[in-house]
Amino acid sequence: TSMAEESRLLVGNLYTFLVHMLWLMGIHGQYSLYVITQNYYSSLLQQNIAAVQMGLEPRYIINSAFNSTYVCMGGTGSALALVIAIFYKSRDKEMRMIAKAAAFPVLFNVSEILNFGIPIVLNPVFAVPFVLVPLVNFNIAYFFTALHVLPVITRHLSWTTPPFLDSYMASGSWRGPVLQVVLLCVDVLLYIPFVSWNEKIKQAQFIERVHHLEQYF
């Protein structure tokens, strides 16, 4: 029913929000909410798979594969977009070095180098995009799937499957990777102002430390 679908959409947004808020506090969001992921979202994916096997239409847009495929490309917070934003905008050597170290892992959805290296954890500058970007991805992907532009995901994938390959394999359609490209562009644009802001704050803090040191000489 439409009411049940609306409740699943609300729960999906809340789950995405909580996962990333936990990460901001240094707590592994997905593991902390593993009961929800395993008992709820994985079961919805299994019901989709069973429906296809019986020749029925899959019902559940939001499921474990949907979340891992569209919401967090490259890892928590859509880390692939943040790496690209840093390479594009940042001139800070330390930031670029961390992005280089994270570039290969994020291709397999491992984002801890960014989370603790930049850091994202306990960093008020990146708090807004880190939470906002996955919510934007979630709702855009849901919208296009609900409009039948994208197929409902009916295949289980390992969470380490690289972006673009995962959406093609999960959806069985070229439209999945196309949407991921669109989402990635949106995500990079959302991250860029905060990369610049973070850099300005670091420069201001460095200048302030230099001034403090000068007082002793």
N, C-alpha and C. Protein backbone atom coordinates (compact mmCIF):
# COMPACT_ATOMS: atom_id res chain seq x y z
N THR A 1 0.84 -1.19 0.00
CA THR A 1 0.00 0.00 0.00
C THR A 1 0.88 1.25 0.00
N SER A 2 0.27 2.39 -0.38
CA SER A 2 1.04 3.63 -0.44
C SER A 2 1.49 4.06 0.95
N MET A 3 0.66 3.80 1.98
CA MET A 3 1.04 4.18 3.33
C MET A 3 2.25 3.37 3.80
N ALA A 4 2.25 2.07 3.48
CA ALA A 4 3.39 1.23 3.85
C ALA A 4 4.65 1.68 3.14
N GLU A 5 4.51 2.08 1.87
CA GLU A 5 5.68 2.54 1.11
C GLU A 5 6.20 3.86 1.66
N GLU A 6 5.28 4.74 2.07
CA GLU A 6 5.69 6.01 2.67
C GLU A 6 6.44 5.78 3.98
N SER A 7 5.99 4.79 4.76
CA SER A 7 6.67 4.50 6.03
C SER A 7 8.06 3.92 5.76
N ARG A 8 8.19 3.09 4.71
CA ARG A 8 9.51 2.55 4.37
C ARG A 8 10.44 3.67 3.91
N LEU A 9 9.90 4.65 3.19
CA LEU A 9 10.71 5.79 2.75
C LEU A 9 11.17 6.61 3.96
N LEU A 10 10.29 6.82 4.91
CA LEU A 10 10.64 7.56 6.11
C LEU A 10 11.69 6.81 6.92
N VAL A 11 11.50 5.51 7.11
CA VAL A 11 12.46 4.69 7.85
C VAL A 11 13.82 4.69 7.14
N GLY A 12 13.79 4.63 5.80
CA GLY A 12 15.04 4.64 5.02
C GLY A 12 15.82 5.92 5.22
N ASN A 13 15.12 7.05 5.22
CA ASN A 13 15.79 8.33 5.46
C ASN A 13 16.35 8.40 6.88
N LEU A 14 15.57 7.92 7.84
CA LEU A 14 16.02 7.93 9.23
C LEU A 14 17.23 7.03 9.42
N TYR A 15 17.20 5.85 8.81
CA TYR A 15 18.33 4.91 8.90
C TYR A 15 19.59 5.53 8.31
N THR A 16 19.47 6.14 7.13
CA THR A 16 20.62 6.78 6.47
C THR A 16 21.18 7.90 7.34
N PHE A 17 20.29 8.69 7.92
CA PHE A 17 20.70 9.79 8.80
C PHE A 17 21.45 9.27 10.02
N LEU A 18 20.90 8.24 10.67
CA LEU A 18 21.50 7.71 11.89
C LEU A 18 22.86 7.07 11.63
N VAL A 19 22.99 6.33 10.52
CA VAL A 19 24.27 5.71 10.18
C VAL A 19 25.37 6.76 10.12
N HIS A 20 25.07 7.88 9.47
CA HIS A 20 26.10 8.89 9.28
C HIS A 20 26.32 9.75 10.51
N MET A 21 25.28 9.96 11.31
CA MET A 21 25.47 10.67 12.57
C MET A 21 26.35 9.85 13.52
N LEU A 22 26.17 8.54 13.53
CA LEU A 22 27.02 7.68 14.36
C LEU A 22 28.47 7.75 13.91
N TRP A 23 28.68 7.72 12.59
CA TRP A 23 30.05 7.83 12.06
C TRP A 23 30.71 9.15 12.48
N LEU A 24 29.92 10.23 12.48
CA LEU A 24 30.47 11.53 12.87
C LEU A 24 30.98 11.51 14.31
N MET A 25 30.41 10.63 15.12
CA MET A 25 30.85 10.50 16.52
C MET A 25 31.92 9.43 16.69
N GLY A 26 32.40 8.87 15.56
CA GLY A 26 33.46 7.87 15.62
C GLY A 26 32.96 6.46 15.84
N ILE A 27 31.65 6.24 15.67
CA ILE A 27 31.04 4.92 15.86
C ILE A 27 30.66 4.35 14.50
N HIS A 28 30.99 3.10 14.25
CA HIS A 28 30.69 2.46 12.96
C HIS A 28 29.17 2.33 12.81
N GLY A 29 28.60 3.18 11.98
CA GLY A 29 27.14 3.24 11.87
C GLY A 29 26.49 1.97 11.38
N GLN A 30 27.05 1.38 10.32
CA GLN A 30 26.45 0.17 9.75
C GLN A 30 26.51 -1.00 10.73
N TYR A 31 27.62 -1.15 11.44
CA TYR A 31 27.72 -2.24 12.42
C TYR A 31 26.81 -2.00 13.61
N SER A 32 26.70 -0.74 14.02
CA SER A 32 25.84 -0.42 15.17
C SER A 32 24.38 -0.71 14.87
N LEU A 33 23.99 -0.52 13.61
CA LEU A 33 22.60 -0.77 13.20
C LEU A 33 22.49 -2.05 12.39
N TYR A 34 23.40 -2.98 12.65
CA TYR A 34 23.47 -4.22 11.87
C TYR A 34 22.18 -5.03 11.95
N VAL A 35 21.51 -4.97 13.10
CA VAL A 35 20.26 -5.71 13.27
C VAL A 35 19.22 -5.23 12.24
N ILE A 36 19.17 -3.91 12.03
CA ILE A 36 18.23 -3.36 11.04
C ILE A 36 18.64 -3.80 9.64
N THR A 37 19.94 -3.67 9.34
CA THR A 37 20.43 -4.04 8.01
C THR A 37 20.17 -5.51 7.71
N GLN A 38 20.50 -6.35 8.67
CA GLN A 38 20.41 -7.79 8.45
C GLN A 38 18.97 -8.29 8.48
N ASN A 39 18.23 -7.90 9.52
CA ASN A 39 16.89 -8.45 9.72
C ASN A 39 15.82 -7.77 8.88
N TYR A 40 16.05 -6.53 8.52
CA TYR A 40 15.02 -5.78 7.78
C TYR A 40 15.37 -5.64 6.31
N TYR A 41 16.46 -4.93 6.02
CA TYR A 41 16.77 -4.64 4.62
C TYR A 41 17.21 -5.87 3.83
N SER A 42 17.94 -6.76 4.45
CA SER A 42 18.33 -7.99 3.74
C SER A 42 17.13 -8.87 3.46
N SER A 43 16.17 -8.87 4.38
CA SER A 43 14.96 -9.67 4.17
C SER A 43 14.11 -9.11 3.02
N LEU A 44 14.09 -7.79 2.87
CA LEU A 44 13.36 -7.19 1.76
C LEU A 44 14.00 -7.56 0.42
N LEU A 45 15.33 -7.58 0.39
CA LEU A 45 16.02 -8.00 -0.83
C LEU A 45 15.71 -9.46 -1.14
N GLN A 46 15.71 -10.31 -0.12
CA GLN A 46 15.40 -11.73 -0.33
C GLN A 46 13.98 -11.91 -0.85
N GLN A 47 13.06 -11.08 -0.38
CA GLN A 47 11.68 -11.16 -0.88
C GLN A 47 11.60 -10.72 -2.35
N ASN A 48 12.40 -9.74 -2.74
CA ASN A 48 12.47 -9.34 -4.15
C ASN A 48 13.00 -10.49 -5.00
N ILE A 49 14.07 -11.12 -4.53
CA ILE A 49 14.68 -12.23 -5.26
C ILE A 49 13.68 -13.37 -5.42
N ALA A 50 12.95 -13.69 -4.34
CA ALA A 50 11.95 -14.76 -4.37
C ALA A 50 10.81 -14.42 -5.33
N ALA A 51 10.42 -13.15 -5.35
CA ALA A 51 9.33 -12.72 -6.24
C ALA A 51 9.72 -12.93 -7.70
N VAL A 52 10.94 -12.56 -8.05
CA VAL A 52 11.41 -12.73 -9.43
C VAL A 52 11.45 -14.21 -9.80
N GLN A 53 11.91 -15.03 -8.88
CA GLN A 53 11.97 -16.47 -9.14
C GLN A 53 10.59 -17.08 -9.38
N MET A 54 9.57 -16.48 -8.78
CA MET A 54 8.19 -16.96 -8.96
C MET A 54 7.48 -16.26 -10.11
N GLY A 55 8.21 -15.39 -10.81
CA GLY A 55 7.61 -14.69 -11.94
C GLY A 55 6.76 -13.51 -11.55
N LEU A 56 6.96 -12.98 -10.34
CA LEU A 56 6.19 -11.84 -9.85
C LEU A 56 7.04 -10.57 -9.89
N GLU A 57 6.37 -9.43 -9.73
CA GLU A 57 7.08 -8.16 -9.71
C GLU A 57 7.69 -7.93 -8.33
N PRO A 58 8.97 -7.55 -8.26
CA PRO A 58 9.57 -7.23 -6.96
C PRO A 58 8.93 -5.96 -6.39
N ARG A 59 8.71 -5.94 -5.09
CA ARG A 59 7.93 -4.86 -4.48
C ARG A 59 8.78 -3.82 -3.76
N TYR A 60 9.95 -4.21 -3.27
CA TYR A 60 10.64 -3.36 -2.30
C TYR A 60 11.79 -2.59 -2.94
N ILE A 61 11.57 -1.30 -3.13
CA ILE A 61 12.60 -0.44 -3.73
C ILE A 61 13.81 -0.35 -2.80
N ILE A 62 13.54 -0.11 -1.52
CA ILE A 62 14.62 0.06 -0.54
C ILE A 62 14.97 -1.29 0.05
N ASN A 63 16.22 -1.66 -0.11
CA ASN A 63 16.71 -2.93 0.45
C ASN A 63 18.22 -2.80 0.66
N SER A 64 18.84 -3.84 1.14
CA SER A 64 20.26 -3.76 1.49
C SER A 64 21.13 -3.41 0.28
N ALA A 65 20.83 -3.98 -0.88
CA ALA A 65 21.62 -3.71 -2.08
C ALA A 65 21.38 -2.30 -2.60
N PHE A 66 20.15 -1.80 -2.47
CA PHE A 66 19.84 -0.42 -2.85
C PHE A 66 20.70 0.54 -2.04
N ASN A 67 20.78 0.32 -0.72
CA ASN A 67 21.56 1.21 0.14
C ASN A 67 23.04 1.19 -0.20
N SER A 68 23.60 0.01 -0.40
CA SER A 68 25.04 -0.09 -0.66
C SER A 68 25.39 0.40 -2.07
N THR A 69 24.43 0.32 -3.00
CA THR A 69 24.70 0.68 -4.39
C THR A 69 24.59 2.17 -4.65
N TYR A 70 23.49 2.78 -4.23
CA TYR A 70 23.22 4.17 -4.61
C TYR A 70 23.54 5.19 -3.51
N VAL A 71 23.40 4.80 -2.25
CA VAL A 71 23.48 5.78 -1.16
C VAL A 71 24.92 6.17 -0.83
N CYS A 72 25.79 5.18 -0.76
CA CYS A 72 27.17 5.43 -0.30
C CYS A 72 28.18 4.93 -1.33
N MET A 73 28.32 5.63 -2.42
CA MET A 73 29.27 5.23 -3.46
C MET A 73 30.70 5.50 -2.98
N GLY A 74 31.48 4.44 -2.88
CA GLY A 74 32.84 4.59 -2.40
C GLY A 74 32.96 4.48 -0.89
N GLY A 75 31.85 4.21 -0.23
CA GLY A 75 31.87 4.10 1.23
C GLY A 75 31.01 5.15 1.88
N THR A 76 31.00 5.14 3.20
CA THR A 76 30.14 6.03 3.98
C THR A 76 30.34 7.49 3.57
N GLY A 77 29.21 8.20 3.43
CA GLY A 77 29.28 9.61 3.05
C GLY A 77 29.52 9.84 1.58
N SER A 78 29.39 8.77 0.78
CA SER A 78 29.74 8.83 -0.65
C SER A 78 31.18 9.31 -0.80
N ALA A 79 32.09 8.50 -0.24
CA ALA A 79 33.50 8.88 -0.13
C ALA A 79 34.18 9.12 -1.47
N LEU A 80 33.73 8.44 -2.51
CA LEU A 80 34.34 8.63 -3.84
C LEU A 80 34.18 10.09 -4.27
N ALA A 81 33.04 10.67 -4.00
CA ALA A 81 32.80 12.07 -4.37
C ALA A 81 33.72 13.01 -3.59
N LEU A 82 33.96 12.70 -2.33
CA LEU A 82 34.85 13.54 -1.52
C LEU A 82 36.28 13.48 -2.04
N VAL A 83 36.74 12.29 -2.43
CA VAL A 83 38.09 12.15 -3.00
C VAL A 83 38.21 13.00 -4.26
N ILE A 84 37.22 12.93 -5.13
CA ILE A 84 37.24 13.71 -6.38
C ILE A 84 37.22 15.21 -6.06
N ALA A 85 36.39 15.61 -5.09
CA ALA A 85 36.30 17.03 -4.72
C ALA A 85 37.63 17.55 -4.19
N ILE A 86 38.33 16.73 -3.42
CA ILE A 86 39.64 17.13 -2.88
C ILE A 86 40.66 17.27 -4.01
N PHE A 87 40.69 16.30 -4.92
CA PHE A 87 41.62 16.38 -6.06
C PHE A 87 41.32 17.61 -6.92
N TYR A 88 40.05 17.95 -7.06
CA TYR A 88 39.65 19.06 -7.93
C TYR A 88 39.92 20.42 -7.28
N LYS A 89 39.62 20.52 -5.97
CA LYS A 89 39.59 21.85 -5.36
C LYS A 89 40.72 22.13 -4.39
N SER A 90 41.16 21.12 -3.65
CA SER A 90 42.11 21.38 -2.56
C SER A 90 43.53 21.58 -3.06
N ARG A 91 44.23 22.52 -2.44
CA ARG A 91 45.66 22.71 -2.68
C ARG A 91 46.46 22.36 -1.44
N ASP A 92 45.78 21.88 -0.43
CA ASP A 92 46.42 21.48 0.81
C ASP A 92 47.13 20.15 0.61
N LYS A 93 48.44 20.14 0.82
CA LYS A 93 49.24 18.93 0.55
C LYS A 93 48.81 17.75 1.41
N GLU A 94 48.49 18.03 2.67
CA GLU A 94 48.08 16.95 3.58
C GLU A 94 46.75 16.34 3.12
N MET A 95 45.79 17.19 2.75
CA MET A 95 44.49 16.70 2.28
C MET A 95 44.65 15.86 1.02
N ARG A 96 45.47 16.34 0.10
CA ARG A 96 45.66 15.62 -1.16
C ARG A 96 46.38 14.29 -0.92
N MET A 97 47.30 14.27 0.03
CA MET A 97 48.00 13.04 0.36
C MET A 97 47.03 12.00 0.93
N ILE A 98 46.13 12.45 1.81
CA ILE A 98 45.12 11.54 2.37
C ILE A 98 44.18 11.05 1.28
N ALA A 99 43.80 11.94 0.37
CA ALA A 99 42.92 11.54 -0.74
C ALA A 99 43.59 10.51 -1.65
N LYS A 100 44.89 10.69 -1.88
CA LYS A 100 45.63 9.71 -2.69
C LYS A 100 45.67 8.35 -2.00
N ALA A 101 45.89 8.36 -0.69
CA ALA A 101 45.92 7.10 0.07
C ALA A 101 44.56 6.42 0.07
N ALA A 102 43.49 7.24 0.03
CA ALA A 102 42.13 6.69 0.10
C ALA A 102 41.57 6.30 -1.26
N ALA A 103 42.21 6.77 -2.34
CA ALA A 103 41.63 6.62 -3.68
C ALA A 103 41.37 5.16 -4.06
N PHE A 104 42.33 4.27 -3.78
CA PHE A 104 42.12 2.86 -4.14
C PHE A 104 41.10 2.18 -3.23
N PRO A 105 41.20 2.34 -1.90
CA PRO A 105 40.20 1.70 -1.03
C PRO A 105 38.76 2.12 -1.33
N VAL A 106 38.54 3.40 -1.67
CA VAL A 106 37.15 3.83 -1.91
C VAL A 106 36.55 3.17 -3.15
N LEU A 107 37.41 2.70 -4.04
CA LEU A 107 36.89 1.96 -5.20
C LEU A 107 36.24 0.65 -4.77
N PHE A 108 36.54 0.23 -3.53
CA PHE A 108 35.92 -0.98 -2.97
C PHE A 108 35.09 -0.64 -1.74
N ASN A 109 34.66 0.64 -1.68
CA ASN A 109 33.73 1.12 -0.66
C ASN A 109 34.30 1.07 0.76
N VAL A 110 35.60 1.29 0.86
CA VAL A 110 36.27 1.36 2.17
C VAL A 110 36.70 2.82 2.39
N SER A 111 36.07 3.48 3.35
CA SER A 111 36.27 4.93 3.50
C SER A 111 36.94 5.35 4.80
N GLU A 112 37.42 4.39 5.59
CA GLU A 112 37.97 4.73 6.91
C GLU A 112 39.17 5.67 6.84
N ILE A 113 39.96 5.59 5.77
CA ILE A 113 41.12 6.49 5.65
C ILE A 113 40.67 7.94 5.63
N LEU A 114 39.58 8.23 4.94
CA LEU A 114 39.04 9.59 4.91
C LEU A 114 38.40 9.95 6.24
N ASN A 115 37.61 9.02 6.79
CA ASN A 115 36.87 9.30 8.02
C ASN A 115 37.79 9.69 9.17
N PHE A 116 38.93 8.99 9.27
CA PHE A 116 39.84 9.25 10.38
C PHE A 116 41.09 10.03 9.98
N GLY A 117 41.34 10.13 8.68
CA GLY A 117 42.53 10.82 8.21
C GLY A 117 42.34 12.30 8.03
N ILE A 118 41.20 12.71 7.47
CA ILE A 118 40.99 14.15 7.21
C ILE A 118 40.92 14.99 8.50
N PRO A 119 40.21 14.67 9.55
CA PRO A 119 39.21 13.62 9.68
C PRO A 119 37.80 14.14 9.39
N ILE A 120 36.90 13.19 9.09
CA ILE A 120 35.47 13.50 9.04
C ILE A 120 34.90 13.42 10.45
N VAL A 121 35.35 12.41 11.20
CA VAL A 121 34.87 12.18 12.56
C VAL A 121 35.13 13.42 13.43
N LEU A 122 34.08 13.88 14.10
CA LEU A 122 34.15 15.03 15.02
C LEU A 122 34.59 16.32 14.32
N ASN A 123 34.38 16.38 13.01
CA ASN A 123 34.74 17.58 12.25
C ASN A 123 33.46 18.32 11.85
N PRO A 124 33.18 19.47 12.49
CA PRO A 124 31.93 20.19 12.20
C PRO A 124 31.85 20.71 10.77
N VAL A 125 32.99 20.93 10.12
CA VAL A 125 32.99 21.45 8.75
C VAL A 125 32.36 20.45 7.79
N PHE A 126 32.74 19.18 7.91
CA PHE A 126 32.25 18.17 6.98
C PHE A 126 30.97 17.47 7.45
N ALA A 127 30.46 17.85 8.63
CA ALA A 127 29.27 17.20 9.17
C ALA A 127 28.07 17.34 8.23
N VAL A 128 27.87 18.54 7.70
CA VAL A 128 26.70 18.79 6.85
C VAL A 128 26.74 17.96 5.56
N PRO A 129 27.80 18.06 4.73
CA PRO A 129 27.79 17.27 3.50
C PRO A 129 27.85 15.77 3.75
N PHE A 130 28.54 15.35 4.81
CA PHE A 130 28.68 13.93 5.12
C PHE A 130 27.32 13.28 5.37
N VAL A 131 26.41 14.03 6.00
CA VAL A 131 25.05 13.52 6.25
C VAL A 131 24.12 13.83 5.08
N LEU A 132 24.26 15.02 4.50
CA LEU A 132 23.35 15.45 3.44
C LEU A 132 23.50 14.66 2.15
N VAL A 133 24.74 14.42 1.73
CA VAL A 133 24.99 13.76 0.44
C VAL A 133 24.32 12.39 0.34
N PRO A 134 24.48 11.50 1.35
CA PRO A 134 23.80 10.20 1.25
C PRO A 134 22.27 10.32 1.24
N LEU A 135 21.72 11.30 1.97
CA LEU A 135 20.27 11.51 1.95
C LEU A 135 19.80 11.95 0.57
N VAL A 136 20.57 12.82 -0.07
CA VAL A 136 20.25 13.25 -1.44
C VAL A 136 20.28 12.05 -2.38
N ASN A 137 21.34 11.24 -2.28
CA ASN A 137 21.45 10.04 -3.13
C ASN A 137 20.27 9.09 -2.91
N PHE A 138 19.96 8.87 -1.65
CA PHE A 138 18.87 7.96 -1.29
C PHE A 138 17.57 8.39 -1.95
N ASN A 139 17.23 9.66 -1.81
CA ASN A 139 15.93 10.13 -2.30
C ASN A 139 15.87 10.24 -3.82
N ILE A 140 16.98 10.63 -4.44
CA ILE A 140 16.99 10.69 -5.91
C ILE A 140 16.85 9.28 -6.49
N ALA A 141 17.62 8.32 -5.96
CA ALA A 141 17.55 6.94 -6.45
C ALA A 141 16.17 6.35 -6.20
N TYR A 142 15.59 6.65 -5.04
CA TYR A 142 14.23 6.16 -4.75
C TYR A 142 13.23 6.73 -5.75
N PHE A 143 13.32 8.03 -6.00
CA PHE A 143 12.40 8.72 -6.90
C PHE A 143 12.43 8.10 -8.30
N PHE A 144 13.63 7.88 -8.84
CA PHE A 144 13.73 7.33 -10.19
C PHE A 144 13.30 5.87 -10.24
N THR A 145 13.51 5.14 -9.16
CA THR A 145 13.05 3.75 -9.13
C THR A 145 11.52 3.70 -9.03
N ALA A 146 10.94 4.58 -8.21
CA ALA A 146 9.48 4.63 -8.07
C ALA A 146 8.80 5.02 -9.37
N LEU A 147 9.50 5.82 -10.19
CA LEU A 147 8.96 6.22 -11.50
C LEU A 147 9.22 5.17 -12.58
N HIS A 148 9.85 4.06 -12.19
CA HIS A 148 10.18 2.95 -13.10
C HIS A 148 11.22 3.33 -14.15
N VAL A 149 11.98 4.40 -13.87
CA VAL A 149 13.12 4.73 -14.73
C VAL A 149 14.23 3.72 -14.46
N LEU A 150 14.37 3.35 -13.19
CA LEU A 150 15.34 2.33 -12.78
C LEU A 150 14.60 1.06 -12.38
N PRO A 151 15.19 -0.10 -12.65
CA PRO A 151 14.58 -1.34 -12.16
C PRO A 151 14.75 -1.47 -10.65
N VAL A 152 13.81 -2.12 -10.01
CA VAL A 152 13.97 -2.46 -8.60
C VAL A 152 15.10 -3.48 -8.48
N ILE A 153 15.98 -3.27 -7.50
CA ILE A 153 17.13 -4.16 -7.35
C ILE A 153 16.67 -5.53 -6.84
N THR A 154 17.15 -6.57 -7.52
CA THR A 154 16.73 -7.94 -7.17
C THR A 154 17.91 -8.90 -7.10
N ARG A 155 19.11 -8.34 -6.93
CA ARG A 155 20.30 -9.20 -6.87
C ARG A 155 21.15 -8.83 -5.68
N HIS A 156 21.64 -9.84 -5.01
CA HIS A 156 22.52 -9.62 -3.86
C HIS A 156 23.96 -9.44 -4.34
N LEU A 157 24.65 -8.42 -3.78
CA LEU A 157 26.05 -8.17 -4.13
C LEU A 157 26.86 -8.00 -2.86
N SER A 158 28.14 -8.29 -2.94
CA SER A 158 29.05 -7.96 -1.84
C SER A 158 29.16 -6.44 -1.76
N TRP A 159 29.24 -5.91 -0.53
CA TRP A 159 29.34 -4.45 -0.35
C TRP A 159 30.65 -3.90 -0.90
N THR A 160 31.62 -4.77 -1.17
CA THR A 160 32.90 -4.30 -1.72
C THR A 160 32.91 -4.22 -3.25
N THR A 161 31.79 -4.53 -3.90
CA THR A 161 31.72 -4.42 -5.35
C THR A 161 31.90 -2.95 -5.76
N PRO A 162 32.80 -2.63 -6.68
CA PRO A 162 33.09 -1.24 -7.02
C PRO A 162 31.88 -0.49 -7.58
N PRO A 163 31.83 0.83 -7.35
CA PRO A 163 30.77 1.66 -7.94
C PRO A 163 30.72 1.49 -9.46
N PHE A 164 29.56 1.65 -10.01
CA PHE A 164 29.22 1.51 -11.42
C PHE A 164 29.05 0.04 -11.81
N LEU A 165 30.00 -0.80 -11.41
CA LEU A 165 29.82 -2.23 -11.63
C LEU A 165 28.70 -2.75 -10.75
N ASP A 166 28.65 -2.26 -9.51
CA ASP A 166 27.62 -2.74 -8.57
C ASP A 166 26.21 -2.41 -9.06
N SER A 167 26.00 -1.20 -9.55
CA SER A 167 24.65 -0.80 -9.98
C SER A 167 24.22 -1.57 -11.23
N TYR A 168 25.18 -1.84 -12.12
CA TYR A 168 24.83 -2.62 -13.31
C TYR A 168 24.46 -4.05 -12.94
N MET A 169 25.26 -4.64 -12.06
CA MET A 169 25.01 -6.03 -11.66
C MET A 169 23.73 -6.14 -10.82
N ALA A 170 23.51 -5.16 -9.95
CA ALA A 170 22.35 -5.23 -9.05
C ALA A 170 21.04 -4.97 -9.77
N SER A 171 21.06 -4.01 -10.70
CA SER A 171 19.82 -3.64 -11.39
C SER A 171 19.64 -4.39 -12.70
N GLY A 172 20.75 -4.90 -13.26
CA GLY A 172 20.66 -5.57 -14.55
C GLY A 172 20.40 -4.61 -15.69
N SER A 173 20.71 -3.32 -15.47
CA SER A 173 20.42 -2.30 -16.48
C SER A 173 21.55 -1.28 -16.53
N TRP A 174 21.80 -0.73 -17.73
CA TRP A 174 22.78 0.32 -17.89
C TRP A 174 22.33 1.62 -17.22
N ARG A 175 21.03 1.71 -16.90
CA ARG A 175 20.52 2.93 -16.26
C ARG A 175 21.07 3.10 -14.85
N GLY A 176 21.41 1.99 -14.20
CA GLY A 176 22.00 2.07 -12.87
C GLY A 176 23.30 2.85 -12.85
N PRO A 177 24.29 2.47 -13.67
CA PRO A 177 25.53 3.25 -13.72
C PRO A 177 25.33 4.70 -14.16
N VAL A 178 24.38 4.94 -15.08
CA VAL A 178 24.12 6.31 -15.53
C VAL A 178 23.64 7.16 -14.35
N LEU A 179 22.73 6.60 -13.55
CA LEU A 179 22.27 7.34 -12.38
C LEU A 179 23.42 7.58 -11.41
N GLN A 180 24.29 6.59 -11.23
CA GLN A 180 25.43 6.77 -10.33
C GLN A 180 26.34 7.90 -10.79
N VAL A 181 26.54 8.03 -12.08
CA VAL A 181 27.35 9.14 -12.61
C VAL A 181 26.69 10.48 -12.26
N VAL A 182 25.37 10.56 -12.44
CA VAL A 182 24.64 11.79 -12.10
C VAL A 182 24.76 12.09 -10.61
N LEU A 183 24.55 11.06 -9.79
CA LEU A 183 24.66 11.24 -8.34
C LEU A 183 26.06 11.68 -7.94
N LEU A 184 27.07 11.08 -8.57
CA LEU A 184 28.45 11.42 -8.24
C LEU A 184 28.73 12.89 -8.56
N CYS A 185 28.24 13.38 -9.68
CA CYS A 185 28.42 14.79 -10.05
C CYS A 185 27.76 15.71 -9.02
N VAL A 186 26.53 15.36 -8.63
CA VAL A 186 25.82 16.15 -7.61
C VAL A 186 26.60 16.13 -6.30
N ASP A 187 27.08 14.96 -5.91
CA ASP A 187 27.81 14.81 -4.65
C ASP A 187 29.09 15.64 -4.64
N VAL A 188 29.83 15.61 -5.73
CA VAL A 188 31.08 16.39 -5.82
C VAL A 188 30.78 17.88 -5.66
N LEU A 189 29.73 18.35 -6.34
CA LEU A 189 29.35 19.77 -6.24
C LEU A 189 28.96 20.14 -4.81
N LEU A 190 28.33 19.21 -4.10
CA LEU A 190 27.95 19.48 -2.71
C LEU A 190 29.17 19.51 -1.79
N TYR A 191 30.16 18.68 -2.08
CA TYR A 191 31.35 18.61 -1.22
C TYR A 191 32.33 19.76 -1.44
N ILE A 192 32.43 20.27 -2.66
CA ILE A 192 33.45 21.25 -3.01
C ILE A 192 33.48 22.48 -2.09
N PRO A 193 32.34 23.12 -1.79
CA PRO A 193 32.41 24.30 -0.90
C PRO A 193 32.96 23.98 0.49
N PHE A 194 32.70 22.78 0.97
CA PHE A 194 33.16 22.41 2.30
C PHE A 194 34.64 22.03 2.31
N VAL A 195 35.13 21.51 1.18
CA VAL A 195 36.57 21.28 1.04
C VAL A 195 37.30 22.62 1.10
N SER A 196 36.78 23.62 0.41
CA SER A 196 37.38 24.96 0.43
C SER A 196 37.32 25.57 1.82
N TRP A 197 36.17 25.42 2.48
CA TRP A 197 35.98 25.97 3.82
C TRP A 197 36.94 25.32 4.81
N ASN A 198 37.08 24.01 4.73
CA ASN A 198 37.99 23.29 5.62
C ASN A 198 39.43 23.76 5.42
N GLU A 199 39.79 24.01 4.17
CA GLU A 199 41.14 24.47 3.86
C GLU A 199 41.40 25.86 4.43
N LYS A 200 40.41 26.74 4.33
CA LYS A 200 40.55 28.10 4.87
C LYS A 200 40.70 28.07 6.38
N ILE A 201 39.94 27.19 7.03
CA ILE A 201 40.04 27.09 8.48
C ILE A 201 41.42 26.58 8.89
N LYS A 202 41.95 25.57 8.18
CA LYS A 202 43.28 25.05 8.48
C LYS A 202 44.34 26.13 8.30
N GLN A 203 44.21 26.94 7.25
CA GLN A 203 45.17 28.02 7.01
C GLN A 203 45.10 29.07 8.11
N ALA A 204 43.87 29.39 8.53
CA ALA A 204 43.70 30.38 9.60
C ALA A 204 44.28 29.86 10.91
N GLN A 205 44.08 28.57 11.18
CA GLN A 205 44.64 27.98 12.40
C GLN A 205 46.16 27.97 12.36
N PHE A 206 46.74 27.71 11.19
CA PHE A 206 48.19 27.71 11.04
C PHE A 206 48.76 29.10 11.28
N ILE A 207 48.11 30.12 10.70
CA ILE A 207 48.57 31.50 10.88
C ILE A 207 48.48 31.90 12.35
N GLU A 208 47.39 31.47 13.00
CA GLU A 208 47.22 31.79 14.43
C GLU A 208 48.31 31.14 15.27
N ARG A 209 48.69 29.90 14.94
CA ARG A 209 49.77 29.22 15.68
C ARG A 209 51.11 29.92 15.47
N VAL A 210 51.35 30.38 14.24
CA VAL A 210 52.59 31.12 13.94
C VAL A 210 52.65 32.39 14.77
N HIS A 211 51.53 33.11 14.87
CA HIS A 211 51.48 34.35 15.65
C HIS A 211 51.76 34.07 17.12
N HIS A 212 51.24 32.97 17.62
CA HIS A 212 51.48 32.59 19.01
C HIS A 212 52.97 32.31 19.24
N LEU A 213 53.57 31.61 18.28
CA LEU A 213 55.00 31.30 18.40
C LEU A 213 55.85 32.56 18.36
N GLU A 214 55.44 33.52 17.51
CA GLU A 214 56.21 34.75 17.37
C GLU A 214 56.27 35.54 18.67
N GLN A 215 55.23 35.33 19.51
CA GLN A 215 55.19 36.05 20.79
C GLN A 215 56.30 35.62 21.73
N TYR A 216 56.84 34.41 21.52
CA TYR A 216 57.88 33.87 22.39
C TYR A 216 59.30 34.23 21.90
N PHE A 217 59.40 34.89 20.77
CA PHE A 217 60.72 35.22 20.22
C PHE A 217 60.88 36.73 20.07
